[in-house]
Structure formats: structure tokens, C-alpha cells
């Protein structure tokens, strides 16, 4: 199953979708007041997208 998903671009597709959702999530933070909470939420989005496992 792993080889099938990899060979057919599933991993790349999933990463691209995750990146797009992450960008939407960070854009949704725009109206919030600047501060450590907002920064932590943005960093959390990046962590989830970029984690290896």
C-alpha cells in the first residue's frame, strides 16, 4: 500500500493539501490581536505541517 501511494503521488498530494490548509489557518488568524497567543498558533500550524511522522 505504501509503495502504491508513493508511486501515484499520494504523499505529495497530501503534503500540498496540508500546506494549503495551513496557509488558510494562518490567514484566519489575521483578525486576532498580535501577541504571543497568535504567534503560538501560527507556529503550531507550521509544526503540524512540517513534522516528519
Protein backbone atom coordinates (compact mmCIF):
# COMPACT_ATOMS: atom_id res chain seq x y z
CA UNK A 1 0.00 0.00 0.00
CA UNK A 2 2.81 2.40 0.90
CA UNK A 3 4.52 1.89 -2.47
CA UNK A 4 1.23 2.40 -4.33
CA UNK A 5 0.52 5.67 -2.55
CA UNK A 6 4.07 6.92 -3.08
CA UNK A 7 4.23 5.84 -6.72
CA UNK A 8 0.97 7.59 -7.53
CA UNK A 9 1.81 10.90 -5.89
CA UNK A 10 -0.37 10.47 -2.82
CA UNK A 11 2.27 11.69 -0.38
CA UNK A 12 3.00 14.80 -2.42
CA UNK A 13 -0.71 15.47 -2.84
CA UNK A 14 -1.36 15.11 0.88
CA UNK A 15 1.53 17.44 1.73
CA UNK A 16 0.28 20.05 -0.74
CA UNK A 17 -3.24 19.88 0.73
CA UNK A 18 -1.85 20.16 4.26
CA UNK A 19 0.21 23.19 3.24
CA UNK A 20 -2.87 24.83 1.67
CA UNK A 21 -4.99 24.20 4.77
CA UNK A 22 -2.16 25.53 6.92
CA UNK A 23 -1.98 28.73 4.92
CA UNK A 24 -5.74 29.13 5.28
CA UNK A 25 -5.45 28.60 9.02
CA UNK A 26 -2.73 31.21 9.34
CA UNK A 27 -4.74 33.66 7.23
CA UNK A 28 -7.70 33.13 9.56
CA UNK A 29 -5.51 34.38 12.41
CA UNK A 30 -5.31 37.80 10.74
CA UNK A 31 -8.14 39.46 12.68
CA UNK A 32 -6.74 38.37 16.05
CA UNK A 33 -4.77 40.84 18.11
CA UNK A 34 -1.00 40.45 17.84
CA UNK A 35 0.62 38.75 20.76
CA UNK A 36 2.21 35.55 21.98
CA UNK A 37 -1.01 33.54 21.66
CA UNK A 38 -1.38 34.41 17.98
CA UNK A 39 2.29 33.68 17.37
CA UNK A 40 1.99 30.32 19.11
CA UNK A 41 -0.98 29.36 16.95
CA UNK A 42 0.95 30.22 13.77
CA UNK A 43 3.98 28.24 14.96
CA UNK A 44 1.70 25.32 15.81
CA UNK A 45 0.40 25.26 12.24
CA UNK A 46 3.95 25.11 10.89
CA UNK A 47 4.90 22.38 13.35
CA UNK A 48 1.99 20.17 12.36
CA UNK A 49 2.69 20.59 8.65
CA UNK A 50 6.44 20.10 8.88
CA UNK A 51 6.67 17.26 11.39
CA UNK A 52 8.25 14.12 9.99
CA UNK A 53 5.86 11.49 11.37
